[in-house]
Amino acid sequence: MRTIGVLLLPGSRVFDISVVGEVWGVDHVDAGIGPFEVRMCAPGRVATPVHPLGVIPATHGLSGLRGCDVVVVPGRVDPSAEVPPAVVRALRAFDGTVAALCSGAFTLAAAGLLDGRTATTHWRLLDALAREAPRAHVLRDVLYADEGDVLTSAGVVGGLDLCLHLVRRALGADTAAVLARRLVMPPTREGGQRQYVEPPMPARAGRGGLASTVDWAVDRLAEPIGVADLAGHAGLSERTFHRAFRAATGSTPGRWLQTQRVLLAQRLLETTDLPVHRVAERAGLGTAANLRRRLRAELGVAPDAYRRTFRVP
């Protein structure tokens, strides 16, 4: 891996382009890494406006993609913006490795390169990618997807994870570790992108007496309340309560209760120094082992790792 091509399209995201620069454009020869050639390839070899600001001059036209070991496709501010036919042809003709960062997956989808492959993108765009690439299998909780010659990444910093993965794959784990230290990041990050999804606000039922039951339950998450207790507070049979609750909130009572306890555990990990077993008790999850199991299931990460990432100073 010596020559890296960057596909420049109007609205390409500066951060994604900068990731390529940090990994392959900075001189790391003193650490035994590189040198690399980075080609900035734009249709017509024109200077390209990028988002959120600036213009980047091209060093090559689309013909510059030929001979590259890797072509990186940055995300664009409008993921569904038109992809010029010449770009589609160039991507289809390229016989090396193509890596899309963040919403760059939509550019690959327009070229048909995701058909029959697994792919991912920023968590806010996953449903849109599934619509744009109906023949792809969209992965919702990975930092990147590797299909050999076609790779895609989750949002923003996920592109850095993917680029380090490409270095690791081509040049070995030791080289990737040296580069990661220079970038002040772990060679591989724990968990998937579920841990970075914005936590939803606690669901508030909007019908009849369910709203007061929801408030009552949120205030008592540490207590061993269950669906029977919720139904009893609402003055309904469990069957009737289940039906009414699902209609009002879109969730079953048991699932909603579990979600609220996990959300409370997240907030406690973020904002307190309570040991993990106390967080589990305060969130109504019982034991540290159960908290670890639930956080792994919901977010793909352990409590200690979650706290290190999101602890509020």
Protein backbone atom coordinates (compact mmCIF):
# COMPACT_ATOMS: atom_id res chain seq x y z
CA MET A 1 0.00 0.00 0.00
CA ARG A 2 1.87 3.04 -1.29
CA THR A 3 -0.55 5.17 -3.34
CA ILE A 4 -3.79 6.49 -1.88
CA GLY A 5 -6.41 8.21 -4.02
CA VAL A 6 -9.01 10.54 -2.50
CA LEU A 7 -12.18 11.06 -4.52
CA LEU A 8 -13.07 14.76 -4.35
CA LEU A 9 -16.69 15.69 -4.99
CA PRO A 10 -18.46 18.96 -4.18
CA GLY A 11 -19.58 18.96 -0.56
CA SER A 12 -17.02 16.39 0.57
CA ARG A 13 -16.46 16.60 4.31
CA VAL A 14 -13.20 18.24 5.38
CA PHE A 15 -12.86 15.95 8.41
CA ASP A 16 -12.89 12.80 6.29
CA ILE A 17 -10.26 14.27 3.97
CA SER A 18 -8.17 15.31 6.98
CA VAL A 19 -8.29 11.73 8.29
CA VAL A 20 -6.61 10.56 5.09
CA GLY A 21 -4.05 13.31 5.48
CA GLU A 22 -3.24 12.37 9.07
CA VAL A 23 -2.86 8.66 8.29
CA TRP A 24 -1.12 8.76 4.90
CA GLY A 25 -0.21 12.39 4.19
CA VAL A 26 1.92 13.17 7.26
CA ASP A 27 5.56 12.12 7.08
CA HIS A 28 6.07 9.15 9.43
CA VAL A 29 9.22 7.83 7.74
CA ASP A 30 11.20 8.30 10.97
CA ALA A 31 8.96 5.58 12.48
CA GLY A 32 9.46 3.29 9.50
CA ILE A 33 6.02 4.08 8.04
CA GLY A 34 5.70 5.13 4.41
CA PRO A 35 6.33 7.21 2.45
CA PHE A 36 2.95 7.33 0.74
CA GLU A 37 1.62 9.24 -2.24
CA VAL A 38 -1.80 10.83 -1.75
CA ARG A 39 -3.64 11.84 -4.91
CA MET A 40 -6.53 14.28 -4.71
CA CYS A 41 -8.70 13.19 -7.63
CA ALA A 42 -11.62 15.30 -8.87
CA PRO A 43 -13.68 15.11 -12.06
CA GLY A 44 -12.04 17.53 -14.50
CA ARG A 45 -9.14 18.04 -12.07
CA VAL A 46 -10.83 21.17 -10.70
CA ALA A 47 -10.62 22.80 -7.28
CA THR A 48 -13.50 21.42 -5.21
CA PRO A 49 -15.57 23.19 -2.53
CA VAL A 50 -15.69 21.11 0.63
CA HIS A 51 -17.85 21.16 3.77
CA PRO A 52 -18.05 23.02 6.10
CA LEU A 53 -15.57 25.43 4.54
CA GLY A 54 -12.78 25.77 2.05
CA VAL A 55 -11.77 24.64 -1.40
CA ILE A 56 -9.27 21.86 -2.11
CA PRO A 57 -7.24 21.83 -5.32
CA ALA A 58 -7.06 18.57 -7.22
CA THR A 59 -3.72 16.99 -8.07
CA HIS A 60 -5.30 14.55 -10.52
CA GLY A 61 -8.43 13.96 -12.52
CA LEU A 62 -10.38 10.72 -12.28
CA SER A 63 -7.66 9.00 -14.30
CA GLY A 64 -5.46 9.44 -11.22
CA LEU A 65 -7.46 6.73 -9.49
CA ARG A 66 -5.86 4.18 -11.79
CA GLY A 67 -2.75 2.75 -10.22
CA CYS A 68 -3.82 3.56 -6.65
CA ASP A 69 -3.69 0.82 -4.06
CA VAL A 70 -6.60 2.31 -2.12
CA VAL A 71 -9.26 4.83 -3.13
CA VAL A 72 -10.87 6.65 -0.21
CA VAL A 73 -14.34 8.12 -0.73
CA PRO A 74 -15.10 10.86 1.85
CA GLY A 75 -18.62 11.51 3.03
CA ARG A 76 -20.57 14.46 1.66
CA VAL A 77 -22.77 16.96 3.45
CA ASP A 78 -25.67 15.78 1.27
CA PRO A 79 -25.25 11.98 1.26
CA SER A 80 -27.79 11.55 -1.55
CA ALA A 81 -26.34 14.23 -3.83
CA GLU A 82 -25.99 13.15 -7.44
CA VAL A 83 -22.88 11.16 -8.29
CA PRO A 84 -21.63 12.11 -11.77
CA PRO A 85 -21.75 9.26 -14.31
CA ALA A 86 -18.00 9.61 -14.90
CA VAL A 87 -17.39 8.96 -11.20
CA VAL A 88 -19.65 5.91 -11.25
CA ARG A 89 -17.71 4.54 -14.22
CA ALA A 90 -14.36 5.23 -12.56
CA LEU A 91 -15.37 3.50 -9.33
CA ARG A 92 -16.72 0.47 -11.19
CA ALA A 93 -13.55 0.22 -13.25
CA PHE A 94 -11.18 0.52 -10.29
CA ASP A 95 -9.63 -2.85 -9.41
CA GLY A 96 -8.09 -2.04 -6.04
CA THR A 97 -9.52 -1.42 -2.58
CA VAL A 98 -12.26 1.19 -2.15
CA ALA A 99 -12.95 2.59 1.32
CA ALA A 100 -15.89 4.89 2.03
CA LEU A 101 -15.81 7.05 5.14
CA CYS A 102 -19.08 7.90 6.89
CA SER A 103 -21.69 9.00 4.31
CA GLY A 104 -19.27 8.14 1.50
CA ALA A 105 -21.09 4.80 1.55
CA PHE A 106 -23.88 6.52 -0.42
CA THR A 107 -21.43 7.26 -3.24
CA LEU A 108 -20.54 3.58 -3.38
CA ALA A 109 -24.24 2.70 -3.31
CA ALA A 110 -24.82 4.96 -6.34
CA ALA A 111 -22.09 3.04 -8.16
CA GLY A 112 -23.66 -0.31 -7.22
CA LEU A 113 -20.58 -1.35 -5.24
CA LEU A 114 -22.56 -2.27 -2.12
CA ASP A 115 -24.86 -4.76 -3.84
CA GLY A 116 -24.61 -8.13 -2.11
CA ARG A 117 -22.14 -6.78 0.46
CA THR A 118 -22.27 -5.75 4.12
CA ALA A 119 -21.92 -2.02 4.72
CA THR A 120 -22.33 0.63 7.38
CA THR A 121 -22.42 4.41 7.81
CA HIS A 122 -23.15 7.03 10.47
CA TRP A 123 -25.88 5.77 12.82
CA ARG A 124 -28.22 8.62 11.83
CA LEU A 125 -28.04 7.55 8.17
CA LEU A 126 -28.44 3.78 8.49
CA ASP A 127 -32.10 3.69 7.47
CA ALA A 128 -31.42 5.98 4.52
CA LEU A 129 -28.53 3.78 3.37
CA ALA A 130 -30.75 0.71 3.59
CA ARG A 131 -33.18 2.48 1.23
CA GLU A 132 -30.45 3.67 -1.14
CA ALA A 133 -28.74 0.27 -1.24
CA PRO A 134 -31.57 -2.29 -0.85
CA ARG A 135 -29.33 -5.16 -1.98
CA ALA A 136 -26.75 -4.44 0.72
CA HIS A 137 -26.81 -5.84 4.23
CA VAL A 138 -26.52 -2.74 6.42
CA LEU A 139 -24.72 -3.36 9.72
CA ARG A 140 -25.99 -1.14 12.51
CA ASP A 141 -23.47 -1.62 15.30
CA VAL A 142 -19.97 -1.73 13.83
CA LEU A 143 -17.28 0.91 13.50
CA TYR A 144 -16.48 -0.35 10.01
CA ALA A 145 -17.36 -3.15 7.61
CA ASP A 146 -14.65 -4.98 5.66
CA GLU A 147 -15.70 -6.82 2.50
CA GLY A 148 -12.16 -7.26 1.23
CA ASP A 149 -12.09 -4.86 -1.70
CA VAL A 150 -14.95 -2.63 -0.48
CA LEU A 151 -14.97 -1.15 3.02
CA THR A 152 -17.27 1.32 4.75
CA SER A 153 -17.11 3.09 8.09
CA ALA A 154 -19.39 4.49 10.75
CA GLY A 155 -19.62 8.22 11.25
CA VAL A 156 -16.86 10.76 11.72
CA VAL A 157 -14.13 9.16 13.87
CA GLY A 158 -15.20 5.75 12.58
CA GLY A 159 -13.37 6.75 9.41
CA LEU A 160 -10.14 6.94 11.41
CA ASP A 161 -10.81 3.44 12.76
CA LEU A 162 -11.24 2.21 9.20
CA CYS A 163 -8.05 3.86 7.93
CA LEU A 164 -6.04 2.34 10.80
CA HIS A 165 -7.63 -1.01 9.95
CA LEU A 166 -6.39 -0.65 6.37
CA VAL A 167 -2.89 0.09 7.67
CA ARG A 168 -3.07 -2.92 9.97
CA ARG A 169 -4.31 -5.14 7.16
CA ALA A 170 -1.61 -4.08 4.71
CA LEU A 171 1.38 -3.28 6.92
CA GLY A 172 0.77 -5.23 10.13
CA ALA A 173 -0.45 -4.63 13.66
CA ASP A 174 2.87 -3.19 14.87
CA THR A 175 2.82 -0.44 12.25
CA ALA A 176 -0.82 0.38 12.99
CA ALA A 177 -0.03 0.56 16.72
CA VAL A 178 2.84 3.01 16.15
CA LEU A 179 0.62 5.18 13.98
CA ALA A 180 -2.23 5.02 16.50
CA ARG A 181 0.07 6.25 19.26
CA ARG A 182 1.05 9.21 17.11
CA LEU A 183 -2.62 9.94 16.56
CA VAL A 184 -3.23 9.61 20.34
CA MET A 185 -5.90 6.94 19.96
CA PRO A 186 -6.21 3.21 20.63
CA PRO A 187 -5.26 0.92 17.73
CA THR A 188 -8.74 -0.60 18.03
CA ARG A 189 -11.72 0.81 19.90
CA GLU A 190 -14.03 -1.26 22.08
CA GLY A 191 -17.68 -1.75 21.15
CA GLY A 192 -19.63 -0.54 18.16
CA GLN A 193 -21.34 2.72 17.35
CA ARG A 194 -24.43 2.03 19.48
CA GLN A 195 -22.61 3.58 22.44
CA TYR A 196 -22.43 6.89 20.54
CA VAL A 197 -26.10 7.06 19.58
CA GLU A 198 -27.90 9.92 21.29
CA PRO A 199 -29.86 8.36 24.18
CA PRO A 200 -33.58 8.89 23.69
CA MET A 201 -35.47 10.91 26.22
CA PRO A 202 -37.50 8.69 28.55
CA ALA A 203 -40.73 7.81 26.78
CA ARG A 204 -43.73 9.58 28.22
CA ALA A 205 -47.06 7.93 27.57
CA GLY A 206 -49.59 10.41 26.28
CA ARG A 207 -52.91 8.73 26.90
CA GLY A 208 -55.23 8.47 29.88
CA GLY A 209 -53.56 7.70 33.19
CA LEU A 210 -50.44 6.14 31.67
CA ALA A 211 -48.41 9.36 31.91
CA SER A 212 -48.57 9.38 35.71
CA THR A 213 -47.61 5.68 35.78
CA VAL A 214 -44.57 6.40 33.61
CA ASP A 215 -43.52 9.25 35.93
CA TRP A 216 -44.08 7.03 38.95
CA ALA A 217 -41.92 4.27 37.46
CA VAL A 218 -39.07 6.60 36.40
CA ASP A 219 -38.83 7.81 39.99
CA ARG A 220 -38.58 4.21 41.30
CA LEU A 221 -36.22 2.47 38.90
CA ALA A 222 -34.00 1.32 41.77
CA GLU A 223 -36.92 -0.58 43.28
CA PRO A 224 -37.85 -4.12 42.13
CA ILE A 225 -40.93 -2.96 40.22
CA GLY A 226 -42.16 -4.93 37.22
CA VAL A 227 -44.98 -4.94 34.72
CA ALA A 228 -47.50 -6.11 37.35
CA ASP A 229 -46.62 -3.08 39.48
CA LEU A 230 -47.04 -0.73 36.52
CA ALA A 231 -50.43 -2.21 35.69
CA GLY A 232 -51.46 -2.01 39.31
CA HIS A 233 -50.53 1.66 39.53
CA ALA A 234 -52.54 2.37 36.37
CA GLY A 235 -55.52 0.41 37.75
CA LEU A 236 -55.61 -1.95 34.76
CA SER A 237 -55.25 -5.66 34.20
CA GLU A 238 -51.82 -6.66 32.90
CA ARG A 239 -53.24 -7.58 29.50
CA THR A 240 -55.11 -4.30 29.11
CA PHE A 241 -52.13 -2.31 30.42
CA HIS A 242 -49.77 -4.06 28.00
CA ARG A 243 -52.01 -3.24 25.04
CA ALA A 244 -52.56 0.39 26.09
CA PHE A 245 -48.88 0.95 26.91
CA ARG A 246 -47.67 -0.39 23.58
CA ALA A 247 -50.19 1.75 21.71
CA ALA A 248 -49.09 4.86 23.63
CA THR A 249 -45.30 4.40 23.63
CA GLY A 250 -44.49 1.95 20.85
CA SER A 251 -42.79 -0.38 23.32
CA THR A 252 -43.80 -3.22 25.59
CA PRO A 253 -43.83 -2.31 29.31
CA GLY A 254 -41.06 -4.78 30.13
CA ARG A 255 -38.81 -3.56 27.34
CA TRP A 256 -39.46 0.09 28.25
CA LEU A 257 -38.60 -0.56 31.91
CA GLN A 258 -35.36 -2.29 30.95
CA THR A 259 -34.42 0.57 28.61
CA GLN A 260 -35.00 3.18 31.32
CA ARG A 261 -32.77 1.26 33.72
CA VAL A 262 -29.97 1.06 31.16
CA LEU A 263 -30.34 4.78 30.42
CA LEU A 264 -30.13 5.56 34.14
CA ALA A 265 -27.02 3.38 34.42
CA GLN A 266 -25.47 5.31 31.52
CA ARG A 267 -26.16 8.64 33.23
CA LEU A 268 -24.69 7.39 36.50
CA LEU A 269 -21.56 6.13 34.74
CA GLU A 270 -21.22 9.47 32.99
CA THR A 271 -21.81 11.73 35.99
CA THR A 272 -20.76 9.89 39.16
CA ASP A 273 -17.81 7.96 40.58
CA LEU A 274 -20.03 5.24 42.00
CA PRO A 275 -18.50 1.77 41.67
CA VAL A 276 -20.12 -0.44 39.07
CA HIS A 277 -22.02 -2.56 41.62
CA ARG A 278 -23.57 0.60 43.13
CA VAL A 279 -24.53 1.87 39.67
CA ALA A 280 -26.26 -1.46 39.07
CA GLU A 281 -28.19 -1.16 42.33
CA ARG A 282 -29.18 2.48 41.77
CA ALA A 283 -30.39 1.67 38.25
CA GLY A 284 -32.45 -1.31 39.39
CA LEU A 285 -30.26 -3.80 37.52
CA GLY A 286 -29.30 -5.66 40.68
CA THR A 287 -25.72 -6.80 40.31
CA ALA A 288 -22.58 -5.63 38.55
CA ALA A 289 -22.68 -8.81 36.46
CA ASN A 290 -26.20 -8.01 35.27
CA LEU A 291 -25.22 -4.43 34.46
CA ARG A 292 -22.26 -5.67 32.42
CA ARG A 293 -24.50 -8.14 30.59
CA ARG A 294 -27.16 -5.52 29.83
CA LEU A 295 -24.67 -2.86 28.70
CA ARG A 296 -22.92 -5.39 26.47
CA ALA A 297 -26.27 -6.38 24.98
CA GLU A 298 -27.52 -2.81 24.50
CA LEU A 299 -24.32 -0.92 23.65
CA GLY A 300 -21.71 -3.54 22.89
CA VAL A 301 -19.34 -2.22 25.58
CA ALA A 302 -18.52 -2.86 29.24
CA PRO A 303 -19.38 -0.33 31.99
CA ASP A 304 -15.76 0.64 32.67
CA ALA A 305 -15.07 1.25 28.99
CA TYR A 306 -18.28 3.27 28.66
CA ARG A 307 -17.29 5.41 31.65
CA ARG A 308 -13.81 6.06 30.26
CA THR A 309 -15.33 7.27 27.01
CA PHE A 310 -18.21 9.38 28.31
CA ARG A 311 -17.30 10.44 31.86
CA VAL A 312 -18.26 14.08 32.40
CA PRO A 313 -15.31 15.92 34.04
